[in-house]
Each structure stands twice: as structure tokens, then as C-alpha cells.
């Protein structure tokens, strides 16, 4: 019996948004998908040792995951170059240049599958998938098209489930196992926030300090870019007078703008990696509009040295401030309801006095 072909996928960067597609595509091509382990401090340290100190945290983490796959004996690893996701809608330079980074910092022999997606240059998803298959020595277009169809099916199911409110992890597990379910009941909580952040920062429990679970324990309803459709995010960006430039802008500017415009949340949390240029621009945009709309916002910056104690303290202080603000607003509304009656009583007293 022939041993099944294997391909490794680092649990970082595009994994958090695109893994259901990758899994469906590679599985249909006959490959067993091997994932790197979940992010740990040791994994981050291993990646950090290979790159210069001012490299951003997500890239250090990605390098660590590649090394982890190699340690697990996986010698074929998928490292895509995601240049642009639409015409002149770009990823940051480090995400664009991932294959070159890995080639130059990982001094170990392995087979790197490095397709390019660059819609600005006319290299779309079909060309991207064909390039992957060809590098794996698969040239039959019918097989490639069937694998793409399987990938899209899993990806679409993942997106629908996540948008309905099912957690990122559960939606992903359901999608790759062929299950489909929607969350029909939206749990109402005293507070709600939207987190603007890249999937690879937000849904990595080690990098994000498990922020989603921490907020849940505090009784806070959390929305993310997964709960907003592409069309809703695009419209929201335009509504606040901005334009999309970065590929991840729908998850950041789009998500924050959507909930800010709809007045559906009590506050905004920006989760950003230290030194990220695109993040600094997008966060500044939302801070400006949030201030104009009097919506509280906090920016939580993370790197490999971020301590959990200080992180939690800032998060708890922000939630406490939102609670106090909401109580004040409720009290003010309650007073306004009784205000007409008090005004009428005062007028009546003045009239009787004058009479």
C-alpha cells in the first residue's frame, strides 16, 4: 500500500481565514494535510531566533510554525505569496514576501510549495490553484477544478457559520468535517464590542492572550470581521468616507465601521501587532471616526514580550468604563422620560403663582 502524500500548513497568517479552502483543495488532490502545533512561547522564541529583532510578531510566529512542521518530519510545506486580493488591494510586504523570507531564514532542506495570488497582475484564484497543483506534479485540469470546487464548498460553509455567530474554532472544525449548522439564537449580553484585528492575531489564543474567552467571561458580546459580510464591510468603509487599500481592511476598518455606523456596540477594541504599518493607518482612521461618534475605543498592542497580567488589567479597565458609561446613559434616558411631566408641573406652579 502506497503511503499517502503529505503537505504541511503552518497554523499562522492565512490559515485563520483560508484553511477550510486549503484543506478541501489539498484533500481532494489526495494529500494528507499536516498542521503545525498551536502557538506556544517556545514556538515564538524559535521563530524569533531566525529573524532580525524588528520583524513583526506574526512573521516570527509564522517562521516558528514552519520550523515546527519540519521538526514533525513534514518536508513539503505550503507557503503562499498572497500579493493582492483584488485590483490594487494589497497585503503588507512581509505577507507578500513570505516564501522569500522563509527561504532566507530557515536553513533546512524541504520542498516549499510557493504559489502566487496577485489579482492586480491578473493572477487570480484559478491560476493560484493551478500553480499549486503543478508544483505538486498534478496537471489534469479536471482534477484541479474538482479540488477547487471542494475547497470553495468548505470555505463557503465556514463563512456562513462564522457570520451566524458560531465561534471561529467551531465553524472551522465543522467545515472541514463536513458539518453545517447555523446559530439561530443571538445571546443578549449587557455589553457588546467589536474587535478589529487580523485573524492571525485575534484567533491565535497565545498571541491574543485568549481575549475572546476573557471577554466572554466578563459578560461581553464580541463581534469580529467574520460576523460582517464582504458587501457590508465595503459599504461601511465607504459610508465613513474611506477607501479600501489593504487586503485585511474588511476585517479591521470594515468591521469596526459597520458596527460603529449601526450603533450596535458599546465600544471598539483594536488588537494590533507592534510595528505593523498597515494596522497603524487603519487604527488611526477608526479612532478618528469613533471619537466623532463618541464611541469608546482602546488599542491593545501585542508582541512576544507582552505580559498577560498587564493585558488583562487594561482589558478589565476598559470593560469597567463601558459599564459605567452605559449605566449613566440608562439613567439619563430614565430621567428624560419623566422630564416632560416635571416641566408641566413647574409650568403649572408658575401659572398659579402669577394668577
Protein backbone atom coordinates (compact mmCIF):
# COMPACT_ATOMS: atom_id res chain seq x y z
CA UNK A 1 0.00 0.00 0.00
CA UNK A 2 1.40 3.36 -1.05
CA UNK A 3 1.94 5.93 1.69
CA UNK A 4 -0.39 8.93 1.33
CA UNK A 5 1.29 12.12 0.22
CA UNK A 6 1.51 14.78 2.91
CA UNK A 7 1.61 18.57 2.87
CA UNK A 8 2.22 20.82 5.84
CA UNK A 9 0.33 24.05 6.52
CA UNK A 10 1.67 26.48 9.15
CA UNK A 11 -1.02 27.42 11.68
CA UNK A 12 -0.41 31.13 11.06
CA UNK A 13 -1.16 34.10 8.72
CA UNK A 14 -3.69 32.98 6.04
CA UNK A 15 -4.51 29.75 7.89
CA UNK A 16 -7.04 31.53 10.12
CA UNK A 17 -9.15 32.81 7.23
CA UNK A 18 -8.46 30.34 4.43
CA UNK A 19 -7.79 26.93 5.99
CA UNK A 20 -11.16 25.38 5.06
CA UNK A 21 -10.39 26.14 1.40
CA UNK A 22 -6.83 24.83 1.68
CA UNK A 23 -7.99 21.67 3.44
CA UNK A 24 -10.71 20.89 0.90
CA UNK A 25 -8.39 21.60 -2.04
CA UNK A 26 -5.44 19.51 -0.85
CA UNK A 27 -7.61 16.65 0.43
CA UNK A 28 -9.34 16.37 -2.92
CA UNK A 29 -5.94 16.26 -4.61
CA UNK A 30 -5.13 13.23 -2.46
CA UNK A 31 -2.89 14.84 0.18
CA UNK A 32 -2.99 14.40 3.91
CA UNK A 33 -2.86 17.86 5.49
CA UNK A 34 -0.46 18.19 8.42
CA UNK A 35 -0.93 21.23 10.67
CA UNK A 36 1.76 22.69 12.87
CA UNK A 37 1.04 22.68 16.60
CA UNK A 38 -0.76 25.55 18.29
CA UNK A 39 1.34 28.61 19.05
CA UNK A 40 3.40 28.44 22.24
CA UNK A 41 6.02 30.70 23.79
CA UNK A 42 8.70 28.21 22.76
CA UNK A 43 7.49 28.20 19.17
CA UNK A 44 7.58 32.02 19.09
CA UNK A 45 11.10 32.03 20.52
CA UNK A 46 12.27 29.56 17.88
CA UNK A 47 10.91 31.78 15.13
CA UNK A 48 12.33 34.93 16.69
CA UNK A 49 15.83 33.47 16.74
CA UNK A 50 15.80 33.20 12.93
CA UNK A 51 14.85 36.78 12.05
CA UNK A 52 16.01 40.31 12.84
CA UNK A 53 14.62 41.81 16.04
CA UNK A 54 12.34 44.40 14.42
CA UNK A 55 10.40 41.76 12.45
CA UNK A 56 6.72 41.88 13.39
CA UNK A 57 5.27 39.25 15.72
CA UNK A 58 3.06 37.47 13.12
CA UNK A 59 6.09 36.75 10.91
CA UNK A 60 8.13 35.49 13.88
CA UNK A 61 5.21 33.20 14.68
CA UNK A 62 4.97 32.02 11.07
CA UNK A 63 8.67 31.11 10.98
CA UNK A 64 8.20 29.21 14.23
CA UNK A 65 5.36 27.20 12.71
CA UNK A 66 7.44 26.29 9.66
CA UNK A 67 10.19 25.03 11.97
CA UNK A 68 7.59 23.09 13.96
CA UNK A 69 6.41 21.30 10.80
CA UNK A 70 9.98 20.40 9.92
CA UNK A 71 10.51 19.03 13.44
CA UNK A 72 7.42 16.85 12.90
CA UNK A 73 9.06 15.34 9.82
CA UNK A 74 6.95 17.17 7.24
CA UNK A 75 9.22 18.00 4.30
CA UNK A 76 6.62 19.56 1.93
CA UNK A 77 5.24 22.84 3.25
CA UNK A 78 2.71 25.24 1.74
CA UNK A 79 3.99 28.85 1.87
CA UNK A 80 1.83 31.05 -0.41
CA UNK A 81 2.66 34.56 -1.57
CA UNK A 82 -0.62 36.48 -1.26
CA UNK A 83 0.23 39.69 -3.08
CA UNK A 84 -3.15 41.30 -3.74
CA UNK A 85 -6.70 40.01 -3.22
CA UNK A 86 -8.28 42.44 -5.71
CA UNK A 87 -7.01 45.07 -8.12
CA UNK A 88 -4.59 47.26 -6.13
CA UNK A 89 -5.83 45.81 -2.83
CA UNK A 90 -2.54 44.71 -1.29
CA UNK A 91 -1.19 42.69 1.59
CA UNK A 92 1.73 44.04 3.59
CA UNK A 93 5.21 43.46 2.18
CA UNK A 94 6.04 40.67 4.64
CA UNK A 95 2.94 38.63 3.78
CA UNK A 96 3.64 39.22 0.10
CA UNK A 97 7.21 38.04 0.51
CA UNK A 98 6.68 35.03 2.82
CA UNK A 99 8.37 32.48 0.52
CA UNK A 100 11.49 34.67 0.23
CA UNK A 101 11.58 35.24 3.98
CA UNK A 102 11.31 31.52 4.73
CA UNK A 103 13.87 30.64 2.07
CA UNK A 104 16.40 33.03 3.58
CA UNK A 105 15.91 32.43 7.30
CA UNK A 106 15.17 28.70 7.54
CA UNK A 107 18.43 26.87 6.86
CA UNK A 108 16.95 23.41 6.44
CA UNK A 109 16.14 21.37 3.35
CA UNK A 110 12.48 20.95 2.44
CA UNK A 111 10.12 21.25 -0.52
CA UNK A 112 8.34 24.62 -0.42
CA UNK A 113 5.10 24.97 -2.39
CA UNK A 114 5.00 28.71 -3.12
CA UNK A 115 2.15 29.81 -5.40
CA UNK A 116 1.38 33.49 -6.01
CA UNK A 117 -2.02 35.20 -5.81
CA UNK A 118 -1.84 38.66 -7.38
CA UNK A 119 -5.12 39.91 -8.81
CA UNK A 120 -3.52 43.26 -9.62
CA UNK A 121 -1.38 41.39 -12.15
CA UNK A 122 -4.22 39.13 -13.30
CA UNK A 123 -3.14 36.09 -11.27
CA UNK A 124 -6.45 35.02 -9.76
CA UNK A 125 -7.55 32.06 -7.68
CA UNK A 126 -7.71 29.69 -10.67
CA UNK A 127 -4.13 30.46 -11.64
CA UNK A 128 -3.14 30.26 -7.96
CA UNK A 129 -4.63 26.76 -7.57
CA UNK A 130 -3.23 25.53 -10.87
CA UNK A 131 0.22 26.72 -9.79
CA UNK A 132 -0.12 24.77 -6.53
CA UNK A 133 -1.15 21.60 -8.34
CA UNK A 134 1.59 21.92 -10.93
CA UNK A 135 4.23 22.31 -8.20
CA UNK A 136 2.83 19.08 -6.75
CA UNK A 137 3.16 17.49 -10.23
CA UNK A 138 -0.58 17.39 -10.88
CA UNK A 139 -1.52 18.71 -14.32
CA UNK A 140 -5.03 17.37 -15.01
CA UNK A 141 -7.34 20.43 -15.15
CA UNK A 142 -10.42 18.34 -14.33
CA UNK A 143 -8.82 17.14 -11.10
CA UNK A 144 -7.70 20.68 -10.23
CA UNK A 145 -11.18 22.13 -10.89
CA UNK A 146 -12.79 19.43 -8.75
CA UNK A 147 -10.37 20.21 -5.92
CA UNK A 148 -11.18 23.93 -6.19
CA UNK A 149 -14.90 23.15 -6.02
CA UNK A 150 -14.37 21.13 -2.85
CA UNK A 151 -12.28 23.93 -1.35
CA UNK A 152 -14.91 26.57 -2.09
CA UNK A 153 -17.66 24.40 -0.64
CA UNK A 154 -15.84 24.08 2.68
CA UNK A 155 -14.85 27.74 2.69
CA UNK A 156 -18.39 28.98 1.97
CA UNK A 157 -19.79 26.80 4.76
CA UNK A 158 -17.15 28.16 7.15
CA UNK A 159 -18.02 31.77 6.27
CA UNK A 160 -21.77 31.23 6.67
CA UNK A 161 -21.38 29.52 10.02
CA UNK A 162 -18.98 32.14 11.35
CA UNK A 163 -21.22 35.01 10.22
CA UNK A 164 -24.19 33.46 12.04
CA UNK A 165 -22.27 33.73 15.32
CA UNK A 166 -20.68 30.31 15.68
CA UNK A 167 -17.16 30.62 17.09
CA UNK A 168 -14.21 30.66 14.71
CA UNK A 169 -12.85 27.36 16.01
CA UNK A 170 -16.19 25.54 15.87
CA UNK A 171 -17.03 26.91 12.41
CA UNK A 172 -13.65 25.73 11.10
CA UNK A 173 -13.95 22.27 12.65
CA UNK A 174 -17.47 21.87 11.29
CA UNK A 175 -16.44 22.98 7.81
CA UNK A 176 -13.54 20.55 7.42
CA UNK A 177 -15.55 17.65 8.87
CA UNK A 178 -18.46 18.28 6.51
CA UNK A 179 -20.89 19.51 9.16
CA UNK A 180 -23.07 22.58 8.72
CA UNK A 181 -25.12 24.42 11.34
CA UNK A 182 -26.19 27.99 11.97
CA UNK A 183 -26.57 29.83 15.25
CA UNK A 184 -30.21 30.87 15.22
CA UNK A 185 -30.38 32.47 18.68
CA UNK A 186 -28.21 35.51 19.35
CA UNK A 187 -27.33 35.63 23.04
CA UNK A 188 -28.03 39.07 24.51
CA UNK A 189 -25.41 40.36 26.94
CA UNK A 190 -25.18 43.63 28.91
CA UNK A 191 -22.25 44.89 26.83
CA UNK A 192 -21.06 44.40 23.27
CA UNK A 193 -17.83 45.29 21.49
CA UNK A 194 -16.31 44.82 18.06
CA UNK A 195 -12.68 43.74 17.81
CA UNK A 196 -10.79 44.97 14.77
CA UNK A 197 -7.85 42.67 14.18
CA UNK A 198 -6.25 40.29 11.71
CA UNK A 199 -7.47 36.72 12.01
CA UNK A 200 -3.91 35.54 12.66
CA UNK A 201 -3.71 37.83 15.70
CA UNK A 202 -7.23 37.53 17.02
CA UNK A 203 -7.89 33.80 16.69
CA UNK A 204 -4.46 32.61 17.80
CA UNK A 205 -5.10 32.05 21.51
CA UNK A 206 -1.46 32.57 22.50
CA UNK A 207 -0.98 35.79 20.53
CA UNK A 208 -4.32 37.31 21.55
CA UNK A 209 -3.97 36.23 25.20
CA UNK A 210 -7.28 34.42 24.72
CA UNK A 211 -9.07 37.76 24.51
CA UNK A 212 -12.33 36.29 23.16
CA UNK A 213 -12.79 33.92 26.09
CA UNK A 214 -11.75 36.59 28.59
CA UNK A 215 -14.40 38.99 27.27
CA UNK A 216 -16.98 36.23 27.29
CA UNK A 217 -16.27 35.58 30.97
CA UNK A 218 -16.75 39.32 31.61
CA UNK A 219 -20.24 39.11 30.10
CA UNK A 220 -19.32 40.95 26.89
CA UNK A 221 -20.75 40.07 23.48
CA UNK A 222 -17.94 40.16 20.90
CA UNK A 223 -18.24 40.81 17.17
CA UNK A 224 -15.40 40.37 14.67
CA UNK A 225 -14.82 40.72 10.96
CA UNK A 226 -16.24 37.20 10.50
CA UNK A 227 -19.69 38.47 11.53
CA UNK A 228 -19.78 41.02 8.71
CA UNK A 229 -20.19 40.12 5.04
CA UNK A 230 -17.77 41.45 2.44
CA UNK A 231 -20.50 43.69 1.00
CA UNK A 232 -21.46 45.09 4.41
CA UNK A 233 -17.82 45.83 5.24
CA UNK A 234 -17.21 47.53 1.89
CA UNK A 235 -20.33 49.69 2.25
CA UNK A 236 -19.34 50.64 5.81
CA UNK A 237 -15.87 51.75 4.70
CA UNK A 238 -17.43 53.96 2.04
CA UNK A 239 -20.04 55.32 4.48
CA UNK A 240 -17.33 56.77 6.72
CA UNK A 241 -15.60 58.34 3.73
CA UNK A 242 -12.65 55.94 3.50
CA UNK A 243 -11.39 53.60 0.78
CA UNK A 244 -10.07 50.05 0.91
CA UNK A 245 -6.35 49.75 0.26
CA UNK A 246 -5.16 46.84 2.39
CA UNK A 247 -6.29 43.24 1.84
CA UNK A 248 -7.25 42.79 5.52
CA UNK A 249 -9.11 46.08 5.72
CA UNK A 250 -12.51 44.36 5.66
CA UNK A 251 -11.66 42.59 8.95
CA UNK A 252 -10.40 45.81 10.54
CA UNK A 253 -11.75 49.09 9.15
CA UNK A 254 -14.80 47.40 7.61
CA UNK A 255 -15.89 45.51 10.71
CA UNK A 256 -15.34 48.44 13.07
CA UNK A 257 -17.05 50.88 10.70
CA UNK A 258 -20.06 48.59 10.23
CA UNK A 259 -20.82 48.27 13.95
CA UNK A 260 -19.90 51.89 14.60
CA UNK A 261 -22.32 53.13 11.93
CA UNK A 262 -25.10 50.81 13.08
CA UNK A 263 -24.55 51.83 16.72
CA UNK A 264 -24.67 48.14 17.62
CA UNK A 265 -21.74 48.11 20.05
CA UNK A 266 -20.74 49.91 23.22
CA UNK A 267 -17.05 50.06 22.34
CA UNK A 268 -14.29 49.17 19.90
CA UNK A 269 -11.14 47.16 20.62
CA UNK A 270 -8.20 47.29 18.21
CA UNK A 271 -5.81 44.36 18.54
CA UNK A 272 -2.59 45.24 16.75
CA UNK A 273 0.90 43.77 16.48
CA UNK A 274 3.68 46.16 17.47
CA UNK A 275 5.29 47.83 14.46
CA UNK A 276 2.59 46.89 11.95
CA UNK A 277 2.42 49.71 9.39
CA UNK A 278 -0.99 48.87 7.83
CA UNK A 279 -2.52 48.44 11.29
CA UNK A 280 -1.34 51.87 12.42
CA UNK A 281 -3.08 53.51 9.46
CA UNK A 282 -6.34 51.59 9.85
CA UNK A 283 -6.49 52.07 13.62
CA UNK A 284 -5.90 55.82 13.24
CA UNK A 285 -8.80 56.03 10.78
CA UNK A 286 -11.23 54.29 13.13
CA UNK A 287 -10.02 56.26 16.17
CA UNK A 288 -10.86 59.49 14.34
CA UNK A 289 -14.39 58.37 13.46
CA UNK A 290 -15.02 56.74 16.85
CA UNK A 291 -14.10 59.99 18.59
CA UNK A 292 -16.55 61.92 16.41
CA UNK A 293 -19.31 59.45 17.25
CA UNK A 294 -18.38 59.36 20.96
CA UNK A 295 -17.75 55.60 20.91
CA UNK A 296 -15.04 54.46 23.36
CA UNK A 297 -12.06 52.70 21.79
CA UNK A 298 -8.94 51.03 23.13
CA UNK A 299 -5.83 49.92 21.24
CA UNK A 300 -4.13 46.79 22.58
CA UNK A 301 -0.65 46.36 21.12
CA UNK A 302 0.95 42.92 21.26
CA UNK A 303 4.42 41.49 20.72
CA UNK A 304 6.35 38.48 22.03
CA UNK A 305 7.09 40.37 25.27
CA UNK A 306 3.50 41.35 26.08
CA UNK A 307 2.64 40.27 29.60
CA UNK A 308 -0.74 38.73 30.27
CA UNK A 309 -1.23 40.50 33.61
CA UNK A 310 -0.94 44.00 32.13
CA UNK A 311 -3.03 42.96 29.13
CA UNK A 312 -5.89 41.74 31.33
CA UNK A 313 -5.72 44.84 33.54
CA UNK A 314 -6.18 47.15 30.55
CA UNK A 315 -9.00 44.99 29.20
CA UNK A 316 -10.83 44.90 32.54
CA UNK A 317 -10.44 48.67 32.96
CA UNK A 318 -11.93 49.27 29.50
CA UNK A 319 -14.89 46.97 30.19
CA UNK A 320 -15.46 48.64 33.57
CA UNK A 321 -15.50 52.05 31.87
CA UNK A 322 -18.05 50.78 29.31
CA UNK A 323 -20.27 49.50 32.13
CA UNK A 324 -20.19 52.84 33.95
CA UNK A 325 -20.89 54.74 30.75
CA UNK A 326 -23.85 52.51 29.88
CA UNK A 327 -25.32 52.87 33.37
CA UNK A 328 -25.03 56.63 33.04
CA UNK A 329 -26.79 56.61 29.66
CA UNK A 330 -29.59 54.42 31.02
CA UNK A 331 -30.03 56.75 33.99
CA UNK A 332 -30.13 59.80 31.71
CA UNK A 333 -32.76 58.19 29.48
CA UNK A 334 -34.86 57.32 32.53
CA UNK A 335 -34.72 60.94 33.68
CA UNK A 336 -35.69 62.21 30.23
CA UNK A 337 -38.84 60.10 30.27
CA UNK A 338 -40.01 61.88 33.41
CA UNK A 339 -38.81 65.29 32.27
CA UNK A 340 -41.99 66.40 30.39
CA UNK A 341 -44.12 65.69 33.44
CA UNK A 342 -41.77 67.70 35.69
CA UNK A 343 -41.72 70.55 33.17
CA UNK A 344 -45.52 70.63 33.02
CA UNK A 345 -45.73 70.63 36.82
CA UNK A 346 -43.31 73.56 37.01
CA UNK A 347 -45.30 75.48 34.40
CA UNK A 348 -48.50 74.87 36.36
CA UNK A 349 -46.89 76.13 39.57
CA UNK A 350 -45.62 79.26 37.82
CA UNK A 351 -49.07 79.91 36.30
CA UNK A 352 -50.82 79.54 39.69
CA UNK A 353 -48.27 81.80 41.33
CA UNK A 354 -48.76 84.50 38.71
CA UNK A 355 -52.52 84.15 38.89
